Amino acid sequence: MLFILYYIAAIVILVMHFTGMLARYNLEWLVLVLAVTVFPAVIYL
């Protein structure tokens, strides 16, 4: 269940990033937070 919520949040953040909404509201740091949360899973696998 948490994985599904994480993936939905990640997709929303990426769509907002590519449409420019994050830059407009100065929220580009959300992309970095998303990358940091994915990094340990990539190392673990």
N, C-alpha and C. Protein backbone atom coordinates (compact mmCIF):
# COMPACT_ATOMS: atom_id res chain seq x y z
N MET A 1 0.82 -1.20 0.00
CA MET A 1 0.00 0.00 0.00
C MET A 1 0.87 1.27 0.00
N LEU A 2 1.92 1.26 0.83
CA LEU A 2 2.79 2.43 0.86
C LEU A 2 3.56 2.61 -0.44
N PHE A 3 3.89 1.48 -1.09
CA PHE A 3 4.58 1.59 -2.38
C PHE A 3 3.69 2.25 -3.42
N ILE A 4 2.42 1.92 -3.40
CA ILE A 4 1.48 2.53 -4.36
C ILE A 4 1.37 4.03 -4.11
N LEU A 5 1.27 4.43 -2.86
CA LEU A 5 1.20 5.86 -2.54
C LEU A 5 2.49 6.57 -2.93
N TYR A 6 3.63 5.90 -2.72
CA TYR A 6 4.91 6.49 -3.09
C TYR A 6 4.99 6.69 -4.60
N TYR A 7 4.58 5.68 -5.37
CA TYR A 7 4.63 5.79 -6.82
C TYR A 7 3.68 6.86 -7.33
N ILE A 8 2.51 6.97 -6.74
CA ILE A 8 1.57 8.02 -7.16
C ILE A 8 2.16 9.40 -6.88
N ALA A 9 2.75 9.57 -5.70
CA ALA A 9 3.38 10.85 -5.37
C ALA A 9 4.55 11.14 -6.31
N ALA A 10 5.34 10.14 -6.64
CA ALA A 10 6.47 10.32 -7.54
C ALA A 10 6.01 10.72 -8.93
N ILE A 11 4.96 10.10 -9.42
CA ILE A 11 4.44 10.44 -10.75
C ILE A 11 3.90 11.86 -10.76
N VAL A 12 3.19 12.24 -9.71
CA VAL A 12 2.66 13.60 -9.63
C VAL A 12 3.79 14.62 -9.60
N ILE A 13 4.82 14.35 -8.80
CA ILE A 13 5.95 15.28 -8.72
C ILE A 13 6.66 15.40 -10.06
N LEU A 14 6.86 14.28 -10.74
CA LEU A 14 7.53 14.33 -12.04
C LEU A 14 6.71 15.05 -13.09
N VAL A 15 5.41 14.83 -13.10
CA VAL A 15 4.55 15.54 -14.05
C VAL A 15 4.58 17.03 -13.78
N MET A 16 4.51 17.40 -12.51
CA MET A 16 4.57 18.82 -12.16
C MET A 16 5.93 19.42 -12.51
N HIS A 17 6.99 18.61 -12.40
CA HIS A 17 8.33 19.09 -12.77
C HIS A 17 8.42 19.37 -14.26
N PHE A 18 7.94 18.44 -15.08
CA PHE A 18 8.07 18.58 -16.52
C PHE A 18 7.10 19.60 -17.10
N THR A 19 6.02 19.91 -16.40
CA THR A 19 5.11 20.95 -16.87
C THR A 19 5.53 22.33 -16.39
N GLY A 20 6.48 22.40 -15.47
CA GLY A 20 6.99 23.68 -15.01
C GLY A 20 6.30 24.23 -13.78
N MET A 21 5.38 23.49 -13.20
CA MET A 21 4.66 23.98 -12.03
C MET A 21 5.57 24.10 -10.81
N LEU A 22 6.50 23.18 -10.66
CA LEU A 22 7.39 23.23 -9.50
C LEU A 22 8.30 24.45 -9.56
N ALA A 23 8.78 24.77 -10.74
CA ALA A 23 9.65 25.94 -10.89
C ALA A 23 8.86 27.22 -10.64
N ARG A 24 7.61 27.24 -11.07
CA ARG A 24 6.78 28.43 -10.89
C ARG A 24 6.55 28.74 -9.41
N TYR A 25 6.37 27.69 -8.61
CA TYR A 25 6.11 27.89 -7.18
C TYR A 25 7.34 27.66 -6.31
N ASN A 26 8.52 27.57 -6.94
CA ASN A 26 9.79 27.41 -6.24
C ASN A 26 9.81 26.13 -5.39
N LEU A 27 9.35 25.03 -5.97
CA LEU A 27 9.31 23.75 -5.27
C LEU A 27 10.17 22.69 -5.95
N GLU A 28 11.21 23.12 -6.67
CA GLU A 28 12.07 22.16 -7.35
C GLU A 28 12.78 21.23 -6.39
N TRP A 29 12.88 21.60 -5.12
CA TRP A 29 13.55 20.76 -4.14
C TRP A 29 12.81 19.43 -3.94
N LEU A 30 11.53 19.38 -4.33
CA LEU A 30 10.79 18.12 -4.21
C LEU A 30 11.39 17.03 -5.10
N VAL A 31 11.92 17.41 -6.25
CA VAL A 31 12.56 16.43 -7.13
C VAL A 31 13.81 15.86 -6.46
N LEU A 32 14.56 16.71 -5.77
CA LEU A 32 15.75 16.23 -5.06
C LEU A 32 15.38 15.32 -3.90
N VAL A 33 14.31 15.65 -3.19
CA VAL A 33 13.85 14.79 -2.09
C VAL A 33 13.43 13.43 -2.64
N LEU A 34 12.75 13.44 -3.77
CA LEU A 34 12.34 12.20 -4.40
C LEU A 34 13.56 11.37 -4.80
N ALA A 35 14.58 12.00 -5.35
CA ALA A 35 15.80 11.29 -5.74
C ALA A 35 16.52 10.70 -4.54
N VAL A 36 16.57 11.45 -3.45
CA VAL A 36 17.25 10.95 -2.24
C VAL A 36 16.50 9.76 -1.65
N THR A 37 15.19 9.75 -1.71
CA THR A 37 14.44 8.62 -1.17
C THR A 37 14.55 7.39 -2.05
N VAL A 38 14.79 7.56 -3.34
CA VAL A 38 14.94 6.41 -4.24
C VAL A 38 16.34 5.82 -4.15
N PHE A 39 17.34 6.64 -3.87
CA PHE A 39 18.73 6.21 -3.89
C PHE A 39 19.02 5.01 -2.99
N PRO A 40 18.59 4.96 -1.73
CA PRO A 40 18.89 3.78 -0.90
C PRO A 40 18.28 2.49 -1.45
N ALA A 41 17.12 2.58 -2.06
CA ALA A 41 16.51 1.38 -2.63
C ALA A 41 17.33 0.87 -3.81
N VAL A 42 17.87 1.78 -4.60
CA VAL A 42 18.69 1.37 -5.73
C VAL A 42 19.99 0.70 -5.25
N ILE A 43 20.60 1.26 -4.21
CA ILE A 43 21.82 0.67 -3.64
C ILE A 43 21.51 -0.70 -3.04
N TYR A 44 20.38 -0.81 -2.35
CA TYR A 44 20.02 -2.07 -1.68
C TYR A 44 19.77 -3.18 -2.69
N LEU A 45 19.13 -2.84 -3.79
CA LEU A 45 18.81 -3.87 -4.78
C LEU A 45 20.03 -4.18 -5.62
